[in-house]
Amino acid sequence: MHARLGAALMAAFLAAAPVAAQTTSTASPPATNAMTTAHIARYVTDARLAGEGKLTWLGFHVYDARLYAPAGFDVSNPSAQQFVLELTYARKLEGKAIAEASRDEMQRLAFGTPEQQTKWLGQMEKLFPDVEKGRRIAGVNQPGKGARFYVDGNFVGSVDEPDFARAFFAIWLDPRTRAPRLRDSLLKAGGATAAIAP
């Protein structure tokens, strides 16, 4: 699929589509090693794979999502705790479209003022690269501080604003998300199915 069409699909899902199909991944978690998990273990003590799921829309596999959290993670209040949400993309998407769709969802969920939303869009456009199959973007929730971002395990920048972090991760974890079954898959364990070694 051409990058523009892929980006349009993603934007349509996050910003406009009323119904999306999400299926829980039944595959085993991928093999882990220090190179792939260092950015997770750095921020989350006793990090574990709390849940995972696949996002599809109109039959297109968009990405696989995995939530890494500490043991005893409180699923009733995820934004108050440190965690890492990592998306592994299954197709080409433009970074600008990802940023715009994320902004649109923050607006729909009523997070931030118009001024904040405009500022956040600019910050996300600088952080989010164009992606292709297999590229991973991980967001680290730091309560009271903001969010840090990694691409394929490499730090690319942060948005040091707690309001942004709450708004951004709400796209997946808020009860009002457009992908409720994916949210359920991410939060289902509230603990661990696989431990991440530091």
Foldseek 3Di string as FASTA:
>chain_A
DDQVVLLVQVLCLLQPDLAWDKAFDPDDDDDDDCQQCVVFCVWAPFKAFQFKIWTDGPRRTFWIKTKIHHAQFDLVCNLQGKIKIKIAGAAWYAQLSVLVSLLSNLVVVPQDDPVVSVVSSVVSSQQGHTDGGGKMKMWIRDAPFFIWIDISRHTRGTDGDSSNRVSRCCCQRPCPHSCNVRNCRRNVRSGHDGTDDD
